[in-house]
Amino acid sequence: MTARLDRLPNGVRVVTERMPGLESASVGIWVGAGGRHEALHQNGIAHFLEHMAFKGTARRSALSIAEEIEDVGGYINAYTSREVTAYYARILAGDVPLAVDLIADIVLNPTFDAAEIETERGVILQEIGQAMDTPDDIVFDWLQEAAYPEQPMGRTILGPSERVAAFQRSDFRDFTAQHYAPDGLILAAAGAIDHDAVMRLAEDALGHLTPRARPVPEPAAFRGGEVRVVKALEQAHFTMGLPQPGYRDDAIYAAQVFAGVLGGGMSSRLFQEAREKRGLCYSIFAQVGAYADTGLLTVYAGTGAEDVGALSHLVVDELRRMADDVTEAEVARARAQMKSGMLMGLESASSRAERLARVVAVWDRVPPLSEAIQKIDAVDAAAIRDHAGALAGEAPALALYGPVDGAPDVAAMAERLAA
């Protein structure tokens, strides 16, 4: 399987990877416009816009969008993250032209009908309400806010209800005019596809767009802090965040292996100490999320009110201990988990297309998988100990929800981490 990357004259990037043996393909358009690209008064509009794309274009009604893709047995969906909005479909090989035309149409030509805006506004307000009623979802939004306060990177993707309630047709048009420019669009396809044919489809669907400048997003700066919401819930939800490198920094590989050793599976330190040995929680994990210019180590646990203090201390103690006694066996296990997770995750056309779009957005090329494997394999125990030691001087971010009166505050956690 060999990936190919080309660029239309107007700056749209087209990247494909043929996967022999498949009869289906995944194709989509990834737009470099997510939550972090919003001004304060726009918070939530990227996600709202994603919803509106399916509500009708000049050529298709909302019903015909659904019917056209389902008439051929296909599937279409979208998502919004902090750095991209993605619109993608899974179809049989012969229906790739339909998928490209349909996705380009909903991305470029939504009508933003006033009645549909009101309908979808109600749907999104329900989505926000549902998130607020899901503690182990909303606590991650609060952690992001604590880590990056008063910055686009720290704001919720859904946006606050009061802003969502106020968006009008002109707001959507202003946002797309600012951010949906050709050099911010990546058409990615994987599976039973032909690169030259996809290039012709891309030229037909996207080649007419006029190049224009896009605003540069505000740089992210980890600050740390605390969000604590005391509520009578069955569980105390604990999250802690620490700054990590962005995905353009090769140190991200050590960071991700570090998270694997700390809390990446049942053999990890946090799972063994907090759950298996001390019975402080049912669920606990650590992971690293990376962005263009920053990253975040997140530790999460759900525990009882009487155990939240002890669990908070245990998390910090395990972080500190990793600077002294991480073993090569632990690191090898975490490397193996990381590599297998990456490779197993690329066995479908959808995941391949997602990777193509992601790496092109980051590096403007498609590095071979062997390059990532080599960088993972280069991480050893000394690198993990150094990584852990560097975290000792950081002030963490905390987000706590539920019966969390007994949890230490962020100042106490920072002091314990530095001790």
Protein backbone atom coordinates (compact mmCIF):
# COMPACT_ATOMS: atom_id res chain seq x y z
CA MET A 1 0.00 0.00 0.00
CA THR A 2 1.48 3.31 -1.10
CA ALA A 3 0.03 6.71 -0.31
CA ARG A 4 0.02 9.45 -2.92
CA LEU A 5 -0.29 13.17 -2.24
CA ASP A 6 -1.01 15.89 -4.81
CA ARG A 7 -2.23 19.46 -4.68
CA LEU A 8 -4.74 21.21 -6.92
CA PRO A 9 -3.61 24.57 -8.37
CA ASN A 10 -5.74 26.41 -5.80
CA GLY A 11 -4.10 24.68 -2.83
CA VAL A 12 -6.54 21.85 -2.03
CA ARG A 13 -4.56 18.76 -1.03
CA VAL A 14 -5.62 15.32 -2.26
CA VAL A 15 -4.18 12.24 -0.58
CA THR A 16 -5.08 8.62 -1.25
CA GLU A 17 -4.00 5.10 -0.37
CA ARG A 18 -5.12 2.05 -2.30
CA MET A 19 -5.77 -1.03 -0.13
CA PRO A 20 -5.70 -4.21 -2.28
CA GLY A 21 -8.43 -6.74 -1.59
CA LEU A 22 -11.08 -4.24 -0.53
CA GLU A 23 -14.34 -3.64 -2.39
CA SER A 24 -15.15 -0.48 -0.42
CA ALA A 25 -13.59 2.91 0.13
CA SER A 26 -13.64 5.72 2.64
CA VAL A 27 -13.51 9.28 1.39
CA GLY A 28 -13.85 12.61 3.13
CA ILE A 29 -12.95 16.27 3.33
CA TRP A 30 -11.05 17.44 6.39
CA VAL A 31 -11.29 21.18 7.01
CA GLY A 32 -8.66 23.00 9.09
CA ALA A 33 -11.32 24.74 11.17
CA GLY A 34 -12.25 23.51 14.63
CA GLY A 35 -12.94 24.84 18.07
CA ARG A 36 -9.60 26.60 18.45
CA HIS A 37 -10.24 28.66 15.30
CA GLU A 38 -13.28 30.34 16.82
CA ALA A 39 -13.31 33.84 18.27
CA LEU A 40 -14.97 34.09 21.68
CA HIS A 41 -18.28 35.22 20.18
CA GLN A 42 -18.14 32.26 17.76
CA ASN A 43 -17.60 29.53 20.37
CA GLY A 44 -19.59 26.50 19.25
CA ILE A 45 -20.13 27.59 15.66
CA ALA A 46 -17.74 25.07 14.05
CA HIS A 47 -19.76 22.23 15.57
CA PHE A 48 -23.10 23.89 14.72
CA LEU A 49 -21.85 24.35 11.15
CA GLU A 50 -21.03 20.65 10.92
CA HIS A 51 -24.66 19.89 11.80
CA MET A 52 -25.98 22.41 9.26
CA ALA A 53 -24.03 20.82 6.41
CA PHE A 54 -26.50 17.92 6.43
CA LYS A 55 -29.59 20.14 6.43
CA GLY A 56 -29.66 20.91 2.72
CA THR A 57 -27.76 22.51 -0.14
CA ALA A 58 -28.82 24.35 -3.30
CA ARG A 59 -28.96 20.95 -5.06
CA ARG A 60 -30.08 18.60 -2.30
CA SER A 61 -32.58 18.61 0.54
CA ALA A 62 -31.71 17.11 3.91
CA LEU A 63 -33.73 14.03 2.96
CA SER A 64 -32.05 13.61 -0.42
CA ILE A 65 -28.60 13.81 1.19
CA ALA A 66 -29.52 10.84 3.37
CA GLU A 67 -31.30 8.97 0.60
CA GLU A 68 -28.55 9.33 -2.01
CA ILE A 69 -25.88 7.80 0.19
CA GLU A 70 -28.15 5.12 1.66
CA ASP A 71 -29.58 4.18 -1.75
CA VAL A 72 -26.13 2.75 -2.55
CA GLY A 73 -25.67 1.19 0.88
CA GLY A 74 -23.25 3.87 2.03
CA TYR A 75 -22.74 5.70 5.30
CA ILE A 76 -22.02 9.40 5.88
CA ASN A 77 -21.07 11.29 9.03
CA ALA A 78 -19.01 14.17 10.39
CA TYR A 79 -17.28 15.35 13.54
CA THR A 80 -15.75 18.51 14.97
CA SER A 81 -12.57 18.58 17.03
CA ARG A 82 -10.46 21.41 18.33
CA GLU A 83 -8.39 21.59 15.14
CA VAL A 84 -10.49 20.12 12.33
CA THR A 85 -14.00 19.49 11.10
CA ALA A 86 -14.32 16.28 9.09
CA TYR A 87 -17.03 15.13 6.68
CA TYR A 88 -16.63 11.55 5.46
CA ALA A 89 -18.41 8.61 3.86
CA ARG A 90 -17.93 4.87 3.49
CA ILE A 91 -19.12 3.45 0.15
CA LEU A 92 -18.50 0.70 -2.37
CA ALA A 93 -15.76 1.31 -4.93
CA GLY A 94 -18.11 2.23 -7.75
CA ASP A 95 -19.77 4.95 -5.66
CA VAL A 96 -16.66 7.03 -4.94
CA PRO A 97 -17.76 9.71 -7.49
CA LEU A 98 -21.09 10.07 -5.70
CA ALA A 99 -19.39 10.36 -2.31
CA VAL A 100 -16.95 13.06 -3.46
CA ASP A 101 -19.72 15.07 -5.12
CA LEU A 102 -22.03 14.74 -2.13
CA ILE A 103 -19.43 15.63 0.49
CA ALA A 104 -18.13 18.59 -1.51
CA ASP A 105 -21.70 19.81 -1.93
CA ILE A 106 -22.55 19.76 1.79
CA VAL A 107 -19.20 21.34 2.73
CA LEU A 108 -19.28 24.14 0.18
CA ASN A 109 -22.95 24.82 -0.50
CA PRO A 110 -25.10 24.57 2.64
CA THR A 111 -28.17 26.80 2.38
CA PHE A 112 -28.43 27.59 6.11
CA ASP A 113 -32.20 27.62 5.88
CA ALA A 114 -33.70 29.61 8.76
CA ALA A 115 -36.16 26.89 9.76
CA GLU A 116 -33.43 24.24 9.67
CA ILE A 117 -31.18 26.44 11.83
CA GLU A 118 -33.89 26.57 14.48
CA THR A 119 -34.48 22.82 14.31
CA GLU A 120 -30.80 22.01 14.63
CA ARG A 121 -30.34 24.63 17.36
CA GLY A 122 -32.76 22.64 19.46
CA VAL A 123 -30.87 19.42 18.74
CA ILE A 124 -27.54 20.96 19.79
CA LEU A 125 -29.00 22.47 22.95
CA GLN A 126 -30.21 18.97 23.83
CA GLU A 127 -26.71 17.66 23.09
CA ILE A 128 -25.23 20.25 25.47
CA GLY A 129 -27.75 19.29 28.14
CA GLN A 130 -26.92 15.62 27.69
CA ALA A 131 -23.20 16.36 28.07
CA MET A 132 -23.90 18.25 31.30
CA ASP A 133 -25.74 15.19 32.59
CA THR A 134 -22.81 12.89 31.78
CA PRO A 135 -20.15 13.53 34.44
CA ASP A 136 -17.40 11.47 32.85
CA ASP A 137 -17.83 13.51 29.64
CA ILE A 138 -18.20 17.04 30.94
CA VAL A 139 -15.28 16.74 33.35
CA PHE A 140 -12.90 16.55 30.36
CA ASP A 141 -14.24 19.83 29.00
CA TRP A 142 -13.63 21.39 32.39
CA LEU A 143 -10.10 20.00 32.49
CA GLN A 144 -9.40 21.57 29.09
CA GLU A 145 -10.72 24.88 30.43
CA ALA A 146 -8.52 24.62 33.52
CA ALA A 147 -5.46 23.77 31.45
CA TYR A 148 -5.95 26.56 28.88
CA PRO A 149 -8.01 29.25 30.61
CA GLU A 150 -9.39 32.17 28.59
CA GLN A 151 -8.02 30.70 25.33
CA PRO A 152 -9.72 29.14 22.31
CA MET A 153 -7.95 25.85 23.11
CA GLY A 154 -9.68 25.75 26.48
CA ARG A 155 -13.23 26.33 25.30
CA THR A 156 -15.80 23.60 24.84
CA ILE A 157 -16.38 22.40 21.28
CA LEU A 158 -20.15 22.41 21.75
CA GLY A 159 -20.09 25.99 22.96
CA PRO A 160 -22.17 27.52 25.75
CA SER A 161 -25.95 27.39 25.42
CA GLU A 162 -26.32 31.15 25.31
CA ARG A 163 -24.07 31.46 22.25
CA VAL A 164 -25.61 28.51 20.44
CA ALA A 165 -29.02 30.08 21.07
CA ALA A 166 -27.94 33.29 19.33
CA PHE A 167 -26.21 32.12 16.10
CA GLN A 168 -27.79 33.33 12.87
CA ARG A 169 -27.29 32.60 9.17
CA SER A 170 -24.76 35.42 8.79
CA ASP A 171 -22.58 33.90 11.53
CA PHE A 172 -22.24 30.65 9.59
CA ARG A 173 -21.43 32.46 6.38
CA ASP A 174 -18.81 34.62 8.13
CA PHE A 175 -17.09 31.57 9.65
CA THR A 176 -16.95 29.61 6.41
CA ALA A 177 -15.69 32.68 4.53
CA GLN A 178 -12.88 32.99 7.07
CA HIS A 179 -11.82 29.36 7.38
CA TYR A 180 -13.13 27.15 4.56
CA ALA A 181 -10.37 28.22 2.15
CA PRO A 182 -8.78 25.84 -0.40
CA ASP A 183 -5.43 25.49 1.37
CA GLY A 184 -7.30 24.39 4.50
CA LEU A 185 -9.10 21.54 2.72
CA ILE A 186 -7.76 17.99 2.50
CA LEU A 187 -9.60 15.38 0.44
CA ALA A 188 -8.49 11.97 1.73
CA ALA A 189 -9.52 8.57 0.39
CA ALA A 190 -8.47 5.01 1.16
CA GLY A 191 -9.52 1.53 0.12
CA ALA A 192 -10.61 0.48 -3.37
CA ILE A 193 -9.73 3.76 -5.06
CA ASP A 194 -7.61 5.04 -7.94
CA HIS A 195 -5.56 8.15 -7.20
CA ASP A 196 -5.78 9.67 -10.66
CA ALA A 197 -9.54 9.19 -10.73
CA VAL A 198 -9.87 10.83 -7.31
CA MET A 199 -7.76 13.75 -8.53
CA ARG A 200 -10.15 14.29 -11.42
CA LEU A 201 -13.12 14.16 -9.05
CA ALA A 202 -11.40 16.64 -6.72
CA GLU A 203 -10.73 19.02 -9.60
CA ASP A 204 -14.38 18.89 -10.63
CA ALA A 205 -15.71 19.36 -7.10
CA LEU A 206 -13.12 21.70 -5.54
CA GLY A 207 -10.95 23.11 -8.31
CA HIS A 208 -13.11 26.21 -8.82
CA LEU A 209 -12.43 27.58 -5.32
CA THR A 210 -10.44 30.81 -5.15
CA PRO A 211 -7.38 30.82 -2.87
CA ARG A 212 -7.57 33.19 0.09
CA ALA A 213 -5.77 33.79 3.36
CA ARG A 214 -7.00 32.14 6.55
CA PRO A 215 -6.66 33.56 10.08
CA VAL A 216 -3.87 32.05 12.17
CA PRO A 217 -5.22 30.49 15.39
CA GLU A 218 -4.11 31.86 18.73
CA PRO A 219 -1.15 29.88 20.13
CA ALA A 220 -2.03 27.62 23.05
CA ALA A 221 -0.35 28.14 26.43
CA PHE A 222 -0.85 25.66 29.27
CA ARG A 223 -1.55 27.58 32.48
CA GLY A 224 -2.99 25.08 34.92
CA GLY A 225 -5.71 25.72 37.44
CA GLU A 226 -8.78 24.10 38.88
CA VAL A 227 -12.46 23.57 38.18
CA ARG A 228 -14.30 21.95 41.09
CA VAL A 229 -18.04 21.29 41.05
CA VAL A 230 -19.39 19.69 44.20
CA LYS A 231 -22.55 17.70 43.57
CA ALA A 232 -24.30 14.75 45.19
CA LEU A 233 -23.35 12.05 42.69
CA GLU A 234 -22.60 8.38 43.24
CA GLN A 235 -19.01 8.83 42.04
CA ALA A 236 -16.32 11.45 42.49
CA HIS A 237 -14.83 12.17 39.05
CA PHE A 238 -11.16 13.13 39.19
CA THR A 239 -9.10 14.41 36.26
CA MET A 240 -5.63 15.90 36.26
CA GLY A 241 -3.72 17.39 33.33
CA LEU A 242 -0.07 18.26 32.73
CA PRO A 243 1.53 19.90 29.68
CA GLN A 244 3.03 17.71 26.97
CA PRO A 245 4.70 18.32 23.58
CA GLY A 246 2.66 18.90 20.45
CA TYR A 247 2.55 16.39 17.62
CA ARG A 248 5.21 18.20 15.59
CA ASP A 249 7.73 17.55 18.38
CA ASP A 250 9.42 14.13 18.35
CA ALA A 251 9.22 14.17 22.16
CA ILE A 252 5.56 13.23 21.70
CA TYR A 253 6.63 9.61 21.28
CA ALA A 254 8.23 9.51 24.73
CA ALA A 255 5.18 11.27 26.13
CA GLN A 256 2.83 8.65 24.72
CA VAL A 257 4.95 5.73 25.91
CA PHE A 258 5.11 7.44 29.31
CA ALA A 259 1.30 7.59 29.45
CA GLY A 260 1.15 3.90 28.55
CA VAL A 261 3.41 2.94 31.45
CA LEU A 262 1.51 5.20 33.82
CA GLY A 263 -2.06 4.29 32.94
CA GLY A 264 -2.40 2.65 29.54
CA GLY A 265 -3.80 -0.75 30.44
CA MET A 266 -4.41 -3.35 33.15
CA SER A 267 -0.67 -3.83 33.69
CA SER A 268 -0.06 -0.09 34.08
CA ARG A 269 1.09 1.43 37.34
CA LEU A 270 -2.10 3.34 38.09
CA PHE A 271 -4.37 0.37 37.37
CA GLN A 272 -2.28 -1.98 39.48
CA GLU A 273 -1.80 0.39 42.41
CA ALA A 274 -5.16 2.19 42.52
CA ARG A 275 -7.51 -0.63 41.53
CA GLU A 276 -5.85 -4.00 41.95
CA LYS A 277 -3.84 -3.39 45.15
CA ARG A 278 -5.83 -0.71 46.97
CA GLY A 279 -9.33 -0.95 45.51
CA LEU A 280 -9.68 2.83 45.25
CA CYS A 281 -11.55 2.89 41.95
CA TYR A 282 -13.15 0.87 39.20
CA SER A 283 -11.89 2.92 36.24
CA ILE A 284 -8.56 4.72 35.92
CA PHE A 285 -6.37 5.59 32.93
CA ALA A 286 -3.81 8.01 31.55
CA GLN A 287 -3.48 9.25 27.98
CA VAL A 288 -1.73 11.97 25.99
CA GLY A 289 -3.60 14.13 23.49
CA ALA A 290 -1.56 16.21 21.05
CA TYR A 291 -2.26 19.33 19.02
CA ALA A 292 -0.19 21.42 16.63
CA ASP A 293 1.58 23.42 19.34
CA THR A 294 0.79 21.72 22.65
CA GLY A 295 -0.24 18.47 24.25
CA LEU A 296 -1.98 17.34 27.42
CA LEU A 297 -1.42 14.37 29.70
CA THR A 298 -4.81 13.45 31.15
CA VAL A 299 -5.33 11.15 34.13
CA TYR A 300 -8.91 10.16 34.91
CA ALA A 301 -10.45 8.11 37.69
CA GLY A 302 -13.93 7.59 39.06
CA THR A 303 -13.93 6.86 42.77
CA GLY A 304 -15.97 7.16 45.97
CA ALA A 305 -16.21 10.33 48.06
CA GLU A 306 -14.21 8.72 50.87
CA ASP A 307 -11.37 7.72 48.54
CA VAL A 308 -10.90 10.78 46.34
CA GLY A 309 -8.21 12.29 48.56
CA ALA A 310 -6.15 9.09 48.72
CA LEU A 311 -6.52 8.50 45.00
CA SER A 312 -5.40 12.06 44.20
CA HIS A 313 -2.25 11.58 46.25
CA LEU A 314 -1.58 8.18 44.69
CA VAL A 315 -1.69 9.64 41.17
CA VAL A 316 0.93 12.27 42.04
CA ASP A 317 3.10 9.76 43.88
CA GLU A 318 3.10 7.41 40.88
CA LEU A 319 4.06 10.27 38.58
CA ARG A 320 6.98 11.15 40.83
CA ARG A 321 8.06 7.53 41.24
CA MET A 322 8.34 7.12 37.48
CA ALA A 323 11.32 9.48 37.51
CA ASP A 324 13.26 6.92 39.56
CA ASP A 325 12.33 3.33 38.89
CA VAL A 326 10.77 2.79 35.48
CA THR A 327 12.06 -0.47 34.04
CA GLU A 328 12.93 -1.46 30.50
CA ALA A 329 10.30 -4.22 30.71
CA GLU A 330 7.55 -1.68 31.43
CA VAL A 331 8.69 0.54 28.59
CA ALA A 332 8.88 -2.38 26.16
CA ARG A 333 5.32 -3.37 27.09
CA ALA A 334 4.05 0.19 26.57
CA ARG A 335 5.89 0.44 23.23
CA ALA A 336 4.31 -2.84 22.09
CA GLN A 337 0.85 -1.62 23.11
CA MET A 338 1.35 1.66 21.27
CA LYS A 339 2.58 0.00 18.08
CA SER A 340 -0.08 -2.69 18.02
CA GLY A 341 -2.82 -0.15 18.73
CA MET A 342 -1.60 2.02 15.87
CA LEU A 343 -1.24 -0.83 13.37
CA MET A 344 -4.46 -2.63 14.32
CA GLY A 345 -6.28 0.66 14.09
CA LEU A 346 -5.24 1.06 10.45
CA GLU A 347 -6.82 -2.12 9.15
CA SER A 348 -9.96 -0.36 7.89
CA ALA A 349 -10.32 2.10 5.03
CA SER A 350 -11.90 4.67 7.34
CA SER A 351 -8.98 4.68 9.76
CA ARG A 352 -6.51 4.85 6.86
CA ALA A 353 -8.25 7.88 5.38
CA GLU A 354 -8.30 9.51 8.82
CA ARG A 355 -4.57 8.96 9.22
CA LEU A 356 -3.84 10.32 5.75
CA ALA A 357 -5.71 13.54 6.48
CA ARG A 358 -4.14 13.90 9.92
CA VAL A 359 -0.52 13.47 8.84
CA VAL A 360 -0.92 15.71 5.80
CA ALA A 361 -2.38 18.42 8.04
CA VAL A 362 0.59 18.06 10.39
CA TRP A 363 3.56 17.53 8.07
CA ASP A 364 2.22 18.15 4.56
CA ARG A 365 3.47 14.69 3.63
CA VAL A 366 2.64 11.06 4.39
CA PRO A 367 5.47 9.59 6.47
CA PRO A 368 5.72 5.80 6.22
CA LEU A 369 4.50 3.83 9.21
CA SER A 370 8.05 2.53 9.62
CA GLU A 371 9.14 6.06 10.54
CA ALA A 372 6.72 6.19 13.48
CA ILE A 373 7.68 2.66 14.54
CA GLN A 374 11.37 3.63 14.61
CA LYS A 375 10.65 6.66 16.78
CA ILE A 376 8.56 4.59 19.19
CA ASP A 377 11.29 1.93 19.38
CA ALA A 378 13.86 4.62 20.19
CA VAL A 379 12.10 5.42 23.48
CA ASP A 380 13.86 3.70 26.37
CA ALA A 381 13.56 3.74 30.16
CA ALA A 382 16.02 6.61 30.51
CA ALA A 383 13.86 8.77 28.24
CA ILE A 384 10.78 7.96 30.33
CA ARG A 385 12.57 8.75 33.58
CA ASP A 386 13.70 12.08 32.13
CA HIS A 387 10.18 12.81 30.95
CA ALA A 388 8.75 12.09 34.38
CA GLY A 389 11.40 14.21 36.07
CA ALA A 390 10.56 17.20 33.90
CA LEU A 391 6.93 17.07 35.04
CA ALA A 392 7.88 17.62 38.67
CA GLY A 393 8.21 21.36 38.13
CA GLU A 394 4.81 21.78 36.48
CA ALA A 395 1.64 23.10 38.08
CA PRO A 396 -1.18 20.75 37.06
CA ALA A 397 -4.72 21.39 35.92
CA LEU A 398 -7.53 19.75 37.88
CA ALA A 399 -11.19 19.14 37.13
CA LEU A 400 -13.28 17.52 39.86
CA TYR A 401 -16.99 16.71 39.80
CA GLY A 402 -19.27 15.08 42.33
CA PRO A 403 -18.64 14.50 46.06
CA VAL A 404 -15.12 15.93 45.80
CA ASP A 405 -14.86 17.98 49.02
CA GLY A 406 -12.08 15.68 50.20
CA ALA A 407 -9.85 16.16 47.17
CA PRO A 408 -6.74 18.34 47.57
CA ASP A 409 -6.66 21.60 45.66
CA VAL A 410 -4.37 22.34 42.73
CA ALA A 411 -1.81 24.12 44.91
CA ALA A 412 -1.48 21.08 47.18
CA MET A 413 -1.15 18.78 44.17
CA ALA A 414 1.57 20.99 42.67
CA GLU A 415 3.45 21.01 45.97
CA ARG A 416 3.28 17.23 46.29
CA LEU A 417 4.39 16.79 42.68
CA ALA A 418 7.44 19.01 43.28
CA ALA A 419 8.39 17.44 46.63
